[in-house]
Amino acid sequence: MEGTSHLIWSMLVGAIGLGFFTYGTRQRAIVPLCTAVALFIFPYFIENIYALVFTGITLVILPYFVRL
């Protein structure tokens, strides 16, 4: 059961990362683009579901506070 929930959360995080990637490339904004790359990559390295969700939420909120 844990493998299924990890797969679903990883796909959700990746879909949000795709939105950030599209926004970052069209607006030529570096922070959303780097956030998108981080959202694509980090689910491969985190196996705990709670850590995956917490890290994902933190990365999604990050571009709203960091402006370059």
N, C-alpha and C. Protein backbone atom coordinates (compact mmCIF):
# COMPACT_ATOMS: atom_id res chain seq x y z
N MET A 1 0.82 -1.20 0.00
CA MET A 1 0.00 0.00 0.00
C MET A 1 0.86 1.26 0.00
N GLU A 2 1.99 1.21 0.65
CA GLU A 2 2.84 2.39 0.71
C GLU A 2 3.42 2.74 -0.65
N GLY A 3 3.70 1.76 -1.48
CA GLY A 3 4.23 2.02 -2.81
C GLY A 3 3.23 2.75 -3.68
N THR A 4 1.94 2.39 -3.53
CA THR A 4 0.90 3.05 -4.32
C THR A 4 0.74 4.50 -3.93
N SER A 5 0.72 4.77 -2.63
CA SER A 5 0.56 6.15 -2.19
C SER A 5 1.78 6.99 -2.57
N HIS A 6 2.96 6.39 -2.53
CA HIS A 6 4.17 7.12 -2.94
C HIS A 6 4.09 7.46 -4.43
N LEU A 7 3.61 6.53 -5.23
CA LEU A 7 3.48 6.77 -6.67
C LEU A 7 2.47 7.89 -6.95
N ILE A 8 1.35 7.87 -6.26
CA ILE A 8 0.32 8.90 -6.48
C ILE A 8 0.83 10.27 -6.05
N TRP A 9 1.46 10.36 -4.87
CA TRP A 9 1.99 11.64 -4.40
C TRP A 9 3.10 12.14 -5.31
N SER A 10 3.93 11.22 -5.81
CA SER A 10 5.00 11.63 -6.71
C SER A 10 4.45 12.17 -8.02
N MET A 11 3.39 11.55 -8.53
CA MET A 11 2.78 12.03 -9.76
C MET A 11 2.13 13.40 -9.54
N LEU A 12 1.51 13.60 -8.39
CA LEU A 12 0.89 14.90 -8.09
C LEU A 12 1.96 15.98 -7.99
N VAL A 13 3.05 15.69 -7.31
CA VAL A 13 4.14 16.66 -7.17
C VAL A 13 4.74 16.95 -8.55
N GLY A 14 4.89 15.93 -9.37
CA GLY A 14 5.43 16.12 -10.72
C GLY A 14 4.50 16.95 -11.59
N ALA A 15 3.20 16.77 -11.43
CA ALA A 15 2.24 17.58 -12.20
C ALA A 15 2.30 19.04 -11.79
N ILE A 16 2.43 19.29 -10.51
CA ILE A 16 2.58 20.67 -10.04
C ILE A 16 3.90 21.24 -10.56
N GLY A 17 4.95 20.41 -10.56
CA GLY A 17 6.24 20.83 -11.11
C GLY A 17 6.14 21.18 -12.58
N LEU A 18 5.31 20.46 -13.33
CA LEU A 18 5.12 20.76 -14.74
C LEU A 18 4.47 22.14 -14.91
N GLY A 19 3.53 22.47 -14.03
CA GLY A 19 2.93 23.80 -14.07
C GLY A 19 3.94 24.89 -13.78
N PHE A 20 4.79 24.66 -12.79
CA PHE A 20 5.84 25.63 -12.48
C PHE A 20 6.84 25.74 -13.63
N PHE A 21 7.14 24.62 -14.27
CA PHE A 21 8.08 24.63 -15.39
C PHE A 21 7.52 25.43 -16.57
N THR A 22 6.24 25.22 -16.86
CA THR A 22 5.60 25.97 -17.95
C THR A 22 5.58 27.46 -17.64
N TYR A 23 5.20 27.81 -16.42
CA TYR A 23 5.17 29.22 -16.02
C TYR A 23 6.57 29.83 -16.05
N GLY A 24 7.55 29.11 -15.53
CA GLY A 24 8.92 29.63 -15.47
C GLY A 24 9.53 29.86 -16.84
N THR A 25 9.23 28.96 -17.80
CA THR A 25 9.80 29.15 -19.13
C THR A 25 9.10 30.27 -19.89
N ARG A 26 7.79 30.39 -19.74
CA ARG A 26 7.07 31.45 -20.46
C ARG A 26 7.34 32.84 -19.90
N GLN A 27 7.50 32.93 -18.60
CA GLN A 27 7.75 34.23 -17.97
C GLN A 27 9.24 34.52 -17.84
N ARG A 28 10.08 33.57 -18.20
CA ARG A 28 11.53 33.68 -18.05
C ARG A 28 11.92 34.03 -16.61
N ALA A 29 11.26 33.32 -15.67
CA ALA A 29 11.52 33.51 -14.24
C ALA A 29 12.33 32.32 -13.73
N ILE A 30 13.43 32.61 -13.08
CA ILE A 30 14.36 31.57 -12.67
C ILE A 30 13.88 30.80 -11.44
N VAL A 31 13.21 31.45 -10.50
CA VAL A 31 12.80 30.78 -9.26
C VAL A 31 11.75 29.70 -9.54
N PRO A 32 10.68 29.97 -10.29
CA PRO A 32 9.75 28.88 -10.59
C PRO A 32 10.37 27.76 -11.43
N LEU A 33 11.32 28.11 -12.28
CA LEU A 33 11.98 27.10 -13.10
C LEU A 33 12.84 26.17 -12.24
N CYS A 34 13.59 26.73 -11.31
CA CYS A 34 14.39 25.91 -10.41
C CYS A 34 13.51 25.10 -9.46
N THR A 35 12.40 25.68 -9.03
CA THR A 35 11.45 24.95 -8.20
C THR A 35 10.87 23.76 -8.96
N ALA A 36 10.58 23.96 -10.23
CA ALA A 36 10.04 22.87 -11.06
C ALA A 36 11.04 21.73 -11.16
N VAL A 37 12.29 22.04 -11.38
CA VAL A 37 13.32 21.00 -11.48
C VAL A 37 13.44 20.26 -10.15
N ALA A 38 13.37 20.98 -9.04
CA ALA A 38 13.43 20.34 -7.73
C ALA A 38 12.21 19.46 -7.51
N LEU A 39 11.02 19.92 -7.95
CA LEU A 39 9.82 19.11 -7.80
C LEU A 39 9.86 17.86 -8.68
N PHE A 40 10.56 17.92 -9.80
CA PHE A 40 10.71 16.75 -10.65
C PHE A 40 11.64 15.71 -10.03
N ILE A 41 12.70 16.18 -9.36
CA ILE A 41 13.78 15.29 -8.95
C ILE A 41 13.62 14.72 -7.54
N PHE A 42 13.14 15.51 -6.58
CA PHE A 42 13.22 15.08 -5.19
C PHE A 42 12.38 13.85 -4.85
N PRO A 43 11.26 13.53 -5.52
CA PRO A 43 10.55 12.30 -5.13
C PRO A 43 11.35 11.01 -5.34
N TYR A 44 12.37 11.04 -6.17
CA TYR A 44 13.20 9.86 -6.36
C TYR A 44 14.05 9.55 -5.13
N PHE A 45 14.32 10.54 -4.30
CA PHE A 45 15.24 10.37 -3.19
C PHE A 45 14.55 10.27 -1.83
N ILE A 46 13.27 10.57 -1.75
CA ILE A 46 12.56 10.54 -0.47
C ILE A 46 11.56 9.40 -0.50
N GLU A 47 11.68 8.48 0.47
CA GLU A 47 10.79 7.32 0.50
C GLU A 47 9.66 7.47 1.51
N ASN A 48 9.84 8.32 2.50
CA ASN A 48 8.80 8.52 3.51
C ASN A 48 7.70 9.42 2.92
N ILE A 49 6.45 8.99 3.06
CA ILE A 49 5.34 9.73 2.46
C ILE A 49 5.18 11.09 3.11
N TYR A 50 5.29 11.15 4.43
CA TYR A 50 5.12 12.43 5.13
C TYR A 50 6.22 13.42 4.76
N ALA A 51 7.44 12.94 4.63
CA ALA A 51 8.54 13.82 4.22
C ALA A 51 8.35 14.27 2.78
N LEU A 52 7.82 13.39 1.93
CA LEU A 52 7.56 13.73 0.54
C LEU A 52 6.53 14.85 0.44
N VAL A 53 5.44 14.72 1.18
CA VAL A 53 4.38 15.74 1.15
C VAL A 53 4.88 17.05 1.75
N PHE A 54 5.59 16.98 2.88
CA PHE A 54 6.09 18.20 3.52
C PHE A 54 7.09 18.94 2.63
N THR A 55 7.99 18.19 2.02
CA THR A 55 8.97 18.81 1.12
C THR A 55 8.30 19.39 -0.11
N GLY A 56 7.31 18.69 -0.64
CA GLY A 56 6.56 19.19 -1.79
C GLY A 56 5.83 20.48 -1.48
N ILE A 57 5.17 20.53 -0.34
CA ILE A 57 4.45 21.75 0.05
C ILE A 57 5.43 22.90 0.25
N THR A 58 6.57 22.61 0.88
CA THR A 58 7.59 23.64 1.09
C THR A 58 8.10 24.19 -0.23
N LEU A 59 8.36 23.32 -1.19
CA LEU A 59 8.86 23.78 -2.49
C LEU A 59 7.80 24.54 -3.27
N VAL A 60 6.54 24.17 -3.12
CA VAL A 60 5.47 24.89 -3.83
C VAL A 60 5.29 26.29 -3.26
N ILE A 61 5.46 26.44 -1.95
CA ILE A 61 5.29 27.74 -1.30
C ILE A 61 6.50 28.64 -1.53
N LEU A 62 7.67 28.06 -1.73
CA LEU A 62 8.91 28.81 -1.85
C LEU A 62 8.88 29.95 -2.86
N PRO A 63 8.38 29.78 -4.09
CA PRO A 63 8.42 30.90 -5.06
C PRO A 63 7.58 32.12 -4.67
N TYR A 64 6.62 31.95 -3.77
CA TYR A 64 5.82 33.08 -3.34
C TYR A 64 6.57 34.00 -2.39
N PHE A 65 7.61 33.46 -1.74
CA PHE A 65 8.38 34.26 -0.80
C PHE A 65 9.73 34.70 -1.37
N VAL A 66 10.24 34.00 -2.36
CA VAL A 66 11.54 34.33 -2.95
C VAL A 66 11.28 34.97 -4.31
N ARG A 67 11.65 36.22 -4.44
CA ARG A 67 11.49 36.93 -5.69
C ARG A 67 12.86 37.40 -6.16
N LEU A 68 13.21 37.06 -7.39
CA LEU A 68 14.48 37.52 -7.95
C LEU A 68 14.26 38.37 -9.17
